[in-house]
């Protein structure tokens, strides 16, 4: 019998294969649709301090979302991952051009020597990545557990939102006791409230 970890990895592989088949134009169109839906979302518009992320290959591209948040004069917090402790520290960024560097994996990361730490208590809405999700809010991430450790530290009133393409919604995401759920999923086609 396949273990939960094996099932999760199978889903990750299936989603990666699906998304790899998208053309650049299709990804841009779908990403823009997610972005527009996010910026029409009342909870997001009302939030003063937003937790965002810099996307990986299988995630909705967030660079324009970050820029747009900054133009709306929202306080933008981004995660800095500590692989030694498996923790996320949050820092405030003010510019996509000035506050980042390219890490060894080729991913943009906030420069902690420039950016100030932002207390988790200030986050009004947490926009998180997800590889696969279901309509109950179960979220499958990259597998490192960073967000599963962060979510319990967020204020109870903080909305936990995942951005995804419709193709990342699956029938059922297998979960373990440590897995944390999203409150809301915003895709290129709809907004899903946890049921």
N, C-alpha and C. Protein backbone atom coordinates (compact mmCIF):
# COMPACT_ATOMS: atom_id res chain seq x y z
N UNK A 1 0.85 -1.20 0.00
CA UNK A 1 0.00 0.00 0.00
C UNK A 1 0.89 1.25 0.00
N UNK A 2 0.51 2.21 -0.82
CA UNK A 2 1.28 3.44 -0.96
C UNK A 2 1.13 4.30 0.29
N UNK A 3 2.25 4.79 0.82
CA UNK A 3 2.21 5.64 2.01
C UNK A 3 1.73 7.04 1.64
N UNK A 4 1.38 7.84 2.66
CA UNK A 4 0.94 9.21 2.43
C UNK A 4 2.04 10.01 1.74
N UNK A 5 3.28 9.83 2.18
CA UNK A 5 4.39 10.55 1.55
C UNK A 5 4.53 10.18 0.08
N UNK A 6 4.36 8.91 -0.23
CA UNK A 6 4.44 8.46 -1.63
C UNK A 6 3.29 9.03 -2.45
N UNK A 7 2.09 9.06 -1.87
CA UNK A 7 0.94 9.63 -2.56
C UNK A 7 1.17 11.11 -2.85
N UNK A 8 1.70 11.81 -1.85
CA UNK A 8 1.98 13.24 -2.03
C UNK A 8 2.98 13.44 -3.18
N UNK A 9 4.03 12.63 -3.20
CA UNK A 9 5.04 12.78 -4.25
C UNK A 9 4.46 12.45 -5.63
N UNK A 10 3.58 11.48 -5.69
CA UNK A 10 2.92 11.13 -6.95
C UNK A 10 2.12 12.33 -7.46
N UNK A 11 1.38 12.99 -6.56
CA UNK A 11 0.59 14.16 -6.94
C UNK A 11 1.52 15.28 -7.40
N UNK A 12 2.61 15.53 -6.67
CA UNK A 12 3.57 16.57 -7.08
C UNK A 12 4.07 16.30 -8.51
N UNK A 13 4.42 15.05 -8.78
CA UNK A 13 4.93 14.69 -10.10
C UNK A 13 3.87 14.89 -11.18
N UNK A 14 2.63 14.51 -10.89
CA UNK A 14 1.54 14.66 -11.86
C UNK A 14 1.28 16.14 -12.17
N UNK A 15 1.29 16.97 -11.14
CA UNK A 15 1.06 18.41 -11.33
C UNK A 15 2.22 19.01 -12.13
N UNK A 16 3.44 18.65 -11.79
CA UNK A 16 4.61 19.17 -12.51
C UNK A 16 4.54 18.81 -13.99
N UNK A 17 4.13 17.59 -14.29
CA UNK A 17 4.00 17.16 -15.68
C UNK A 17 2.92 17.96 -16.40
N UNK A 18 1.77 18.16 -15.73
CA UNK A 18 0.68 18.95 -16.31
C UNK A 18 1.14 20.37 -16.65
N UNK A 19 1.78 21.01 -15.66
CA UNK A 19 2.18 22.41 -15.85
C UNK A 19 3.31 22.55 -16.85
N UNK A 20 4.17 21.55 -16.95
CA UNK A 20 5.27 21.59 -17.92
C UNK A 20 4.74 21.59 -19.35
N UNK A 21 3.52 21.10 -19.54
CA UNK A 21 2.91 21.07 -20.86
C UNK A 21 2.30 22.41 -21.30
N UNK A 22 2.25 23.39 -20.41
CA UNK A 22 1.70 24.69 -20.74
C UNK A 22 2.70 25.52 -21.54
N UNK A 23 2.20 26.26 -22.51
CA UNK A 23 3.06 27.20 -23.24
C UNK A 23 3.30 28.42 -22.35
N UNK A 24 4.31 29.21 -22.68
CA UNK A 24 4.60 30.43 -21.91
C UNK A 24 3.41 31.38 -21.97
N UNK A 25 2.77 31.45 -23.13
CA UNK A 25 1.62 32.34 -23.29
C UNK A 25 0.48 31.90 -22.38
N UNK A 26 0.22 30.60 -22.33
CA UNK A 26 -0.86 30.08 -21.48
C UNK A 26 -0.56 30.37 -20.01
N UNK A 27 0.69 30.19 -19.59
CA UNK A 27 1.06 30.47 -18.20
C UNK A 27 0.86 31.95 -17.89
N UNK A 28 1.26 32.82 -18.81
CA UNK A 28 1.08 34.27 -18.61
C UNK A 28 -0.40 34.62 -18.49
N UNK A 29 -1.23 34.05 -19.36
CA UNK A 29 -2.67 34.33 -19.32
C UNK A 29 -3.29 33.85 -18.01
N UNK A 30 -2.93 32.65 -17.60
CA UNK A 30 -3.48 32.08 -16.37
C UNK A 30 -3.00 32.86 -15.15
N UNK A 31 -1.72 33.25 -15.16
CA UNK A 31 -1.16 34.01 -14.05
C UNK A 31 -1.86 35.36 -13.93
N UNK A 32 -2.09 36.02 -15.07
CA UNK A 32 -2.77 37.32 -15.06
C UNK A 32 -4.19 37.18 -14.52
N UNK A 33 -4.86 36.09 -14.88
CA UNK A 33 -6.23 35.85 -14.38
C UNK A 33 -6.23 35.67 -12.86
N UNK A 34 -5.24 34.93 -12.32
CA UNK A 34 -5.13 34.76 -10.87
C UNK A 34 -4.88 36.11 -10.21
N UNK A 35 -3.94 36.87 -10.78
CA UNK A 35 -3.61 38.19 -10.23
C UNK A 35 -4.83 39.09 -10.20
N UNK A 36 -5.58 39.16 -11.29
CA UNK A 36 -6.76 40.02 -11.34
C UNK A 36 -7.82 39.59 -10.33
N UNK A 37 -8.00 38.28 -10.17
CA UNK A 37 -8.96 37.77 -9.20
C UNK A 37 -8.51 38.15 -7.77
N UNK A 38 -7.20 38.04 -7.52
CA UNK A 38 -6.65 38.42 -6.20
C UNK A 38 -6.91 39.90 -5.91
N UNK A 39 -6.67 40.76 -6.91
CA UNK A 39 -6.83 42.20 -6.69
C UNK A 39 -8.29 42.66 -6.71
N UNK A 40 -9.21 41.73 -6.96
CA UNK A 40 -10.64 42.02 -6.82
C UNK A 40 -11.18 41.46 -5.50
N UNK A 41 -10.34 40.76 -4.75
CA UNK A 41 -10.74 40.06 -3.54
C UNK A 41 -10.72 41.03 -2.35
N UNK A 42 -11.87 41.23 -1.73
CA UNK A 42 -12.02 42.26 -0.69
C UNK A 42 -11.04 42.08 0.48
N UNK A 43 -10.88 40.84 0.98
CA UNK A 43 -9.95 40.62 2.09
C UNK A 43 -8.53 41.06 1.74
N UNK A 44 -8.16 40.85 0.51
CA UNK A 44 -6.82 41.25 0.06
C UNK A 44 -6.72 42.77 -0.05
N UNK A 45 -7.71 43.39 -0.65
CA UNK A 45 -7.67 44.85 -0.82
C UNK A 45 -7.65 45.58 0.52
N UNK A 46 -8.35 45.03 1.52
CA UNK A 46 -8.40 45.66 2.84
C UNK A 46 -7.11 45.46 3.64
N UNK A 47 -6.33 44.46 3.30
CA UNK A 47 -5.12 44.13 4.07
C UNK A 47 -4.06 45.21 3.89
N UNK A 48 -3.45 45.58 5.01
CA UNK A 48 -2.35 46.54 4.95
C UNK A 48 -1.00 45.84 4.82
N UNK A 49 -0.85 44.71 5.50
CA UNK A 49 0.42 43.96 5.47
C UNK A 49 0.15 42.59 4.88
N UNK A 50 0.85 42.29 3.80
CA UNK A 50 0.62 41.09 3.01
C UNK A 50 1.87 40.22 3.02
N UNK A 51 1.70 38.95 3.34
CA UNK A 51 2.78 37.99 3.18
C UNK A 51 2.66 37.42 1.77
N UNK A 52 3.72 37.50 1.00
CA UNK A 52 3.76 36.93 -0.33
C UNK A 52 4.94 35.97 -0.41
N UNK A 53 5.25 35.48 -1.58
CA UNK A 53 6.39 34.58 -1.78
C UNK A 53 6.92 34.79 -3.18
N UNK A 54 8.16 34.41 -3.40
CA UNK A 54 8.73 34.39 -4.74
C UNK A 54 8.54 32.97 -5.25
N UNK A 55 7.89 32.85 -6.39
CA UNK A 55 7.47 31.54 -6.87
C UNK A 55 8.62 30.66 -7.36
N UNK A 56 8.36 29.35 -7.27
CA UNK A 56 9.19 28.33 -7.91
C UNK A 56 8.55 28.01 -9.26
N UNK A 57 9.15 27.08 -9.98
CA UNK A 57 8.71 26.75 -11.34
C UNK A 57 7.25 26.32 -11.42
N UNK A 58 6.75 25.53 -10.48
CA UNK A 58 5.39 24.98 -10.56
C UNK A 58 4.37 25.83 -9.82
N UNK A 59 4.63 27.13 -9.68
CA UNK A 59 3.73 27.98 -8.91
C UNK A 59 3.34 29.22 -9.73
N UNK A 60 2.24 29.84 -9.36
CA UNK A 60 1.82 31.08 -10.00
C UNK A 60 2.94 32.10 -9.83
N UNK A 61 3.29 32.77 -10.92
CA UNK A 61 4.36 33.78 -10.89
C UNK A 61 3.89 34.97 -10.06
N UNK A 62 4.68 35.36 -9.07
CA UNK A 62 4.26 36.41 -8.14
C UNK A 62 4.99 37.74 -8.31
N UNK A 63 5.93 37.82 -9.23
CA UNK A 63 6.71 39.07 -9.35
C UNK A 63 5.83 40.28 -9.62
N UNK A 64 4.90 40.16 -10.58
CA UNK A 64 4.01 41.30 -10.87
C UNK A 64 3.06 41.58 -9.71
N UNK A 65 2.66 40.54 -8.99
CA UNK A 65 1.79 40.72 -7.83
C UNK A 65 2.53 41.50 -6.74
N UNK A 66 3.80 41.16 -6.53
CA UNK A 66 4.61 41.89 -5.55
C UNK A 66 4.74 43.36 -5.96
N UNK A 67 5.06 43.59 -7.23
CA UNK A 67 5.20 44.97 -7.72
C UNK A 67 3.90 45.75 -7.55
N UNK A 68 2.81 45.11 -7.88
CA UNK A 68 1.51 45.78 -7.79
C UNK A 68 1.15 46.09 -6.34
N UNK A 69 1.46 45.16 -5.43
CA UNK A 69 1.24 45.42 -3.99
C UNK A 69 2.04 46.62 -3.52
N UNK A 70 3.28 46.70 -3.95
CA UNK A 70 4.12 47.83 -3.58
C UNK A 70 3.55 49.13 -4.14
N UNK A 71 3.01 49.09 -5.36
CA UNK A 71 2.43 50.30 -5.95
C UNK A 71 1.15 50.71 -5.21
N UNK A 72 0.46 49.75 -4.57
CA UNK A 72 -0.72 50.03 -3.75
C UNK A 72 -0.31 50.48 -2.35
N UNK A 73 0.98 50.57 -2.11
CA UNK A 73 1.56 50.98 -0.83
C UNK A 73 1.21 50.03 0.31
N UNK A 74 1.10 48.75 -0.02
CA UNK A 74 0.92 47.72 1.01
C UNK A 74 2.31 47.39 1.56
N UNK A 75 2.37 47.02 2.83
CA UNK A 75 3.61 46.49 3.40
C UNK A 75 3.72 45.05 2.92
N UNK A 76 4.81 44.73 2.24
CA UNK A 76 4.99 43.40 1.67
C UNK A 76 6.05 42.64 2.44
N UNK A 77 5.64 41.53 3.03
CA UNK A 77 6.56 40.65 3.74
C UNK A 77 6.86 39.45 2.85
N UNK A 78 8.11 39.04 2.83
CA UNK A 78 8.50 37.86 2.09
C UNK A 78 9.27 36.93 3.02
N UNK A 79 9.18 35.64 2.76
CA UNK A 79 9.87 34.68 3.63
C UNK A 79 11.35 34.56 3.28
N UNK A 80 12.13 34.37 4.32
CA UNK A 80 13.53 33.98 4.17
C UNK A 80 13.63 32.63 4.87
N UNK A 81 13.98 31.61 4.11
CA UNK A 81 13.99 30.25 4.64
C UNK A 81 15.31 29.93 5.29
N UNK A 82 15.25 29.29 6.44
CA UNK A 82 16.44 28.81 7.13
C UNK A 82 16.43 27.29 7.06
N UNK A 83 17.26 26.74 6.18
CA UNK A 83 17.25 25.28 5.99
C UNK A 83 17.83 24.54 7.19
N UNK A 84 18.64 25.21 7.99
CA UNK A 84 19.21 24.54 9.18
C UNK A 84 18.14 24.29 10.24
N UNK A 85 17.23 25.26 10.42
CA UNK A 85 16.21 25.13 11.45
C UNK A 85 14.83 24.85 10.86
N UNK A 86 14.73 24.81 9.54
CA UNK A 86 13.44 24.66 8.86
C UNK A 86 12.43 25.69 9.35
N UNK A 87 12.87 26.93 9.40
CA UNK A 87 12.01 28.03 9.84
C UNK A 87 11.91 29.08 8.74
N UNK A 88 10.87 29.88 8.83
CA UNK A 88 10.71 31.02 7.95
C UNK A 88 10.81 32.28 8.80
N UNK A 89 11.65 33.20 8.37
CA UNK A 89 11.68 34.53 8.95
C UNK A 89 11.06 35.45 7.92
N UNK A 90 10.32 36.44 8.36
CA UNK A 90 9.66 37.36 7.45
C UNK A 90 10.39 38.69 7.43
N UNK A 91 10.61 39.20 6.21
CA UNK A 91 11.25 40.51 6.06
C UNK A 91 10.40 41.38 5.16
N UNK A 92 10.46 42.68 5.39
CA UNK A 92 9.69 43.62 4.57
C UNK A 92 10.54 44.06 3.39
N UNK A 93 9.97 43.98 2.21
CA UNK A 93 10.65 44.45 1.00
C UNK A 93 9.95 45.70 0.50
N UNK A 94 10.74 46.59 -0.07
CA UNK A 94 10.19 47.85 -0.58
C UNK A 94 10.41 48.01 -2.08
N UNK A 95 11.28 47.15 -2.64
CA UNK A 95 11.59 47.24 -4.06
C UNK A 95 12.03 45.89 -4.59
N UNK A 96 11.44 45.47 -5.69
CA UNK A 96 11.83 44.20 -6.30
C UNK A 96 13.22 44.31 -6.93
N UNK A 97 13.60 45.50 -7.34
CA UNK A 97 14.90 45.69 -7.98
C UNK A 97 16.04 45.78 -6.96
N UNK A 98 15.79 46.46 -5.83
CA UNK A 98 16.88 46.76 -4.89
C UNK A 98 17.02 45.79 -3.72
N UNK A 99 15.95 45.12 -3.34
CA UNK A 99 15.95 44.34 -2.10
C UNK A 99 16.19 42.84 -2.29
N UNK A 100 16.59 42.42 -3.49
CA UNK A 100 16.73 40.99 -3.78
C UNK A 100 18.11 40.64 -4.33
N UNK A 101 18.42 39.37 -4.23
CA UNK A 101 19.60 38.82 -4.89
C UNK A 101 19.21 37.43 -5.42
N UNK A 102 20.01 36.91 -6.34
CA UNK A 102 19.76 35.58 -6.90
C UNK A 102 20.53 34.56 -6.07
N UNK A 103 19.80 33.62 -5.45
CA UNK A 103 20.47 32.61 -4.61
C UNK A 103 21.13 31.54 -5.49
N UNK A 104 21.89 30.61 -4.90
CA UNK A 104 22.60 29.59 -5.69
C UNK A 104 21.68 28.72 -6.56
N UNK A 105 20.39 28.59 -6.18
CA UNK A 105 19.45 27.80 -6.99
C UNK A 105 18.81 28.63 -8.10
N UNK A 106 19.21 29.92 -8.21
CA UNK A 106 18.67 30.78 -9.24
C UNK A 106 17.32 31.39 -8.90
N UNK A 107 16.97 31.38 -7.61
CA UNK A 107 15.69 31.93 -7.15
C UNK A 107 15.95 33.28 -6.47
N UNK A 108 15.10 34.26 -6.78
CA UNK A 108 15.23 35.56 -6.11
C UNK A 108 14.92 35.40 -4.63
N UNK A 109 15.75 36.02 -3.81
CA UNK A 109 15.52 36.00 -2.36
C UNK A 109 15.71 37.41 -1.81
N UNK A 110 14.92 37.76 -0.79
CA UNK A 110 15.14 39.06 -0.15
C UNK A 110 16.54 39.12 0.48
N UNK A 111 17.18 40.26 0.34
CA UNK A 111 18.51 40.47 0.92
C UNK A 111 18.33 40.88 2.38
N UNK A 112 18.65 39.97 3.29
CA UNK A 112 18.42 40.23 4.72
C UNK A 112 19.34 41.32 5.27
N UNK A 113 20.40 41.65 4.54
CA UNK A 113 21.27 42.73 5.01
C UNK A 113 20.64 44.10 4.74
N UNK A 114 19.62 44.14 3.87
CA UNK A 114 18.93 45.39 3.54
C UNK A 114 17.53 45.43 4.16
N UNK A 115 16.83 44.32 4.11
CA UNK A 115 15.42 44.25 4.54
C UNK A 115 15.31 44.06 6.05
N UNK A 116 14.32 44.70 6.62
CA UNK A 116 14.08 44.58 8.05
C UNK A 116 13.13 43.43 8.35
N UNK A 117 13.35 42.78 9.48
CA UNK A 117 12.48 41.70 9.93
C UNK A 117 11.10 42.29 10.24
N UNK A 118 10.07 41.55 9.85
CA UNK A 118 8.70 41.97 10.11
C UNK A 118 8.06 40.93 11.03
N UNK A 119 7.52 41.35 12.17
CA UNK A 119 6.90 40.39 13.08
C UNK A 119 5.69 39.71 12.44
N UNK A 120 5.56 38.43 12.66
CA UNK A 120 4.47 37.63 12.09
C UNK A 120 3.10 38.15 12.54
N UNK A 121 3.04 38.78 13.70
CA UNK A 121 1.77 39.29 14.23
C UNK A 121 1.18 40.39 13.36
N UNK A 122 1.97 41.01 12.50
CA UNK A 122 1.49 42.12 11.68
C UNK A 122 0.84 41.67 10.37
N UNK A 123 0.92 40.39 10.04
CA UNK A 123 0.42 39.89 8.77
C UNK A 123 -1.12 39.87 8.78
N UNK A 124 -1.71 40.62 7.84
CA UNK A 124 -3.17 40.65 7.71
C UNK A 124 -3.67 39.52 6.82
N UNK A 125 -2.93 39.22 5.77
CA UNK A 125 -3.31 38.15 4.85
C UNK A 125 -2.03 37.45 4.39
N UNK A 126 -2.05 36.14 4.42
CA UNK A 126 -0.88 35.35 4.05
C UNK A 126 -1.15 34.67 2.71
N UNK A 127 -0.43 35.09 1.69
CA UNK A 127 -0.53 34.49 0.37
C UNK A 127 0.58 33.46 0.29
N UNK A 128 0.20 32.20 0.13
CA UNK A 128 1.17 31.10 0.21
C UNK A 128 1.22 30.31 -1.08
N UNK A 129 2.34 29.64 -1.30
CA UNK A 129 2.42 28.76 -2.47
C UNK A 129 1.75 27.42 -2.20
N UNK A 130 1.45 26.73 -3.26
CA UNK A 130 0.91 25.38 -3.15
C UNK A 130 1.13 24.64 -4.46
N UNK A 131 1.47 23.38 -4.35
CA UNK A 131 1.66 22.56 -5.54
C UNK A 131 0.33 21.94 -5.96
N UNK A 132 -0.43 21.44 -4.99
CA UNK A 132 -1.74 20.86 -5.26
C UNK A 132 -2.66 21.18 -4.08
N UNK A 133 -3.95 21.33 -4.38
CA UNK A 133 -4.93 21.66 -3.35
C UNK A 133 -6.23 20.93 -3.64
N UNK A 134 -7.05 20.79 -2.60
CA UNK A 134 -8.39 20.29 -2.83
C UNK A 134 -9.39 21.31 -2.30
N UNK A 135 -10.66 21.10 -2.57
CA UNK A 135 -11.68 22.08 -2.21
C UNK A 135 -11.93 22.18 -0.71
N UNK A 136 -11.37 21.30 0.07
CA UNK A 136 -11.48 21.38 1.53
C UNK A 136 -10.36 22.25 2.12
N UNK A 137 -9.48 22.78 1.26
CA UNK A 137 -8.39 23.63 1.71
C UNK A 137 -7.12 22.88 2.02
N UNK A 138 -7.10 21.57 1.82
CA UNK A 138 -5.86 20.81 2.03
C UNK A 138 -4.83 21.28 1.02
N UNK A 139 -3.63 21.51 1.50
CA UNK A 139 -2.58 22.10 0.70
C UNK A 139 -1.36 21.19 0.67
N UNK A 140 -0.86 20.94 -0.52
CA UNK A 140 0.36 20.17 -0.70
C UNK A 140 1.42 21.13 -1.22
N UNK A 141 2.47 21.31 -0.44
CA UNK A 141 3.54 22.22 -0.84
C UNK A 141 4.71 21.45 -1.43
N UNK A 142 5.87 22.07 -1.33
CA UNK A 142 7.08 21.45 -1.89
C UNK A 142 7.57 20.27 -1.06
N UNK A 143 7.11 20.18 0.19
CA UNK A 143 7.46 19.03 1.01
C UNK A 143 8.42 19.33 2.15
N UNK A 144 8.82 20.60 2.28
CA UNK A 144 9.77 20.95 3.34
C UNK A 144 9.10 21.30 4.66
N UNK A 145 7.81 21.61 4.63
CA UNK A 145 7.07 21.89 5.85
C UNK A 145 7.23 23.30 6.40
N UNK A 146 7.85 24.20 5.63
CA UNK A 146 8.05 25.56 6.14
C UNK A 146 6.72 26.24 6.50
N UNK A 147 5.76 26.18 5.59
CA UNK A 147 4.49 26.86 5.82
C UNK A 147 3.65 26.15 6.87
N UNK A 148 3.79 24.84 6.99
CA UNK A 148 3.08 24.11 8.05
C UNK A 148 3.57 24.58 9.43
N UNK A 149 4.81 25.01 9.51
CA UNK A 149 5.34 25.55 10.78
C UNK A 149 4.97 27.02 10.97
N UNK A 150 4.84 27.75 9.86
CA UNK A 150 4.52 29.18 9.94
C UNK A 150 3.04 29.43 10.28
N UNK A 151 2.14 28.69 9.66
CA UNK A 151 0.70 28.95 9.79
C UNK A 151 0.23 29.04 11.24
N UNK A 152 0.65 28.14 12.14
CA UNK A 152 0.19 28.26 13.53
C UNK A 152 0.68 29.53 14.24
N UNK A 153 1.72 30.15 13.71
CA UNK A 153 2.25 31.37 14.33
C UNK A 153 1.50 32.63 13.88
N UNK A 154 0.74 32.53 12.79
CA UNK A 154 0.00 33.68 12.28
C UNK A 154 -1.15 34.02 13.21
N UNK A 155 -1.55 35.30 13.26
CA UNK A 155 -2.73 35.65 14.06
C UNK A 155 -3.95 34.86 13.59
N UNK A 156 -4.85 34.59 14.49
CA UNK A 156 -6.06 33.82 14.17
C UNK A 156 -6.87 34.51 13.07
N UNK A 157 -6.83 35.83 13.04
CA UNK A 157 -7.61 36.60 12.06
C UNK A 157 -6.97 36.65 10.68
N UNK A 158 -5.73 36.20 10.54
CA UNK A 158 -5.03 36.25 9.25
C UNK A 158 -5.63 35.22 8.29
N UNK A 159 -6.07 35.70 7.13
CA UNK A 159 -6.57 34.79 6.10
C UNK A 159 -5.39 34.10 5.44
N UNK A 160 -5.52 32.80 5.26
CA UNK A 160 -4.46 32.00 4.61
C UNK A 160 -4.95 31.64 3.21
N UNK A 161 -4.31 32.24 2.22
CA UNK A 161 -4.76 32.15 0.84
C UNK A 161 -3.67 31.51 -0.02
N UNK A 162 -4.07 30.59 -0.88
CA UNK A 162 -3.12 29.98 -1.81
C UNK A 162 -3.52 30.38 -3.23
N UNK A 163 -2.51 30.77 -4.02
CA UNK A 163 -2.71 31.07 -5.43
C UNK A 163 -2.36 29.82 -6.23
N UNK A 164 -3.21 29.47 -7.19
CA UNK A 164 -2.96 28.24 -7.96
C UNK A 164 -3.65 28.33 -9.31
N UNK A 165 -3.18 27.51 -10.23
CA UNK A 165 -3.89 27.32 -11.49
C UNK A 165 -4.99 26.29 -11.25
N UNK A 166 -6.05 26.38 -12.01
CA UNK A 166 -7.16 25.44 -11.84
C UNK A 166 -6.69 23.99 -11.94
N UNK A 167 -5.69 23.73 -12.75
CA UNK A 167 -5.16 22.37 -12.93
C UNK A 167 -4.45 21.83 -11.69
N UNK A 168 -4.20 22.67 -10.71
CA UNK A 168 -3.57 22.23 -9.47
C UNK A 168 -4.60 21.79 -8.43
N UNK A 169 -5.88 21.95 -8.75
CA UNK A 169 -6.93 21.49 -7.85
C UNK A 169 -7.18 20.01 -8.15
N UNK A 170 -7.06 19.20 -7.10
CA UNK A 170 -7.24 17.75 -7.24
C UNK A 170 -8.43 17.32 -6.38
N UNK A 171 -8.87 16.10 -6.60
CA UNK A 171 -10.01 15.56 -5.86
C UNK A 171 -9.73 15.50 -4.36
N UNK A 172 -8.52 15.02 -4.01
CA UNK A 172 -8.18 14.84 -2.60
C UNK A 172 -6.67 14.96 -2.41
N UNK A 173 -6.25 15.81 -1.48
CA UNK A 173 -4.84 15.90 -1.08
C UNK A 173 -4.68 15.08 0.19
N UNK A 174 -3.85 14.04 0.16
CA UNK A 174 -3.63 13.26 1.39
C UNK A 174 -2.93 14.14 2.42
N UNK A 175 -3.37 14.05 3.66
CA UNK A 175 -2.78 14.88 4.71
C UNK A 175 -2.31 14.05 5.88
N UNK A 176 -1.40 14.67 6.62
CA UNK A 176 -0.91 14.09 7.87
C UNK A 176 -1.26 15.07 8.99
N UNK A 177 -1.08 14.69 10.21
CA UNK A 177 -1.51 15.51 11.35
C UNK A 177 -0.82 16.88 11.38
N UNK A 178 0.38 17.00 10.83
CA UNK A 178 1.10 18.27 10.89
C UNK A 178 0.75 19.21 9.73
N UNK A 179 0.01 18.73 8.74
CA UNK A 179 -0.34 19.54 7.57
C UNK A 179 -1.39 20.59 7.92
N UNK A 180 -1.17 21.81 7.46
CA UNK A 180 -2.10 22.92 7.72
C UNK A 180 -2.85 23.27 6.44
N UNK A 181 -4.07 23.75 6.62
CA UNK A 181 -4.96 24.04 5.50
C UNK A 181 -4.96 25.52 5.13
N UNK A 182 -5.43 25.78 3.92
CA UNK A 182 -5.67 27.15 3.46
C UNK A 182 -7.13 27.49 3.74
N UNK A 183 -7.41 28.77 3.94
CA UNK A 183 -8.79 29.22 4.11
C UNK A 183 -9.45 29.43 2.74
N UNK A 184 -8.64 29.91 1.80
CA UNK A 184 -9.15 30.32 0.50
C UNK A 184 -8.13 29.95 -0.57
N UNK A 185 -8.63 29.52 -1.72
CA UNK A 185 -7.77 29.22 -2.87
C UNK A 185 -8.25 30.11 -4.01
N UNK A 186 -7.32 30.83 -4.61
CA UNK A 186 -7.67 31.67 -5.76
C UNK A 186 -7.00 31.08 -6.99
N UNK A 187 -7.84 30.69 -7.96
CA UNK A 187 -7.31 30.13 -9.21
C UNK A 187 -7.61 31.10 -10.35
N UNK A 188 -7.19 30.71 -11.53
CA UNK A 188 -7.47 31.53 -12.72
C UNK A 188 -8.95 31.47 -13.09
N UNK A 189 -9.73 30.56 -12.49
CA UNK A 189 -11.13 30.42 -12.85
C UNK A 189 -12.12 30.73 -11.73
N UNK A 190 -11.67 30.68 -10.48
CA UNK A 190 -12.62 30.84 -9.37
C UNK A 190 -11.91 31.10 -8.05
N UNK A 191 -12.73 31.44 -7.05
CA UNK A 191 -12.25 31.54 -5.66
C UNK A 191 -12.94 30.42 -4.89
N UNK A 192 -12.15 29.62 -4.20
CA UNK A 192 -12.66 28.48 -3.45
C UNK A 192 -12.50 28.78 -1.96
N UNK A 193 -13.62 28.75 -1.25
CA UNK A 193 -13.60 28.92 0.20
C UNK A 193 -13.60 27.53 0.82
N UNK A 194 -12.76 27.35 1.83
CA UNK A 194 -12.65 26.05 2.49
C UNK A 194 -14.03 25.60 2.96
N UNK A 195 -14.36 24.35 2.62
CA UNK A 195 -15.67 23.82 3.02
C UNK A 195 -15.52 22.80 4.13
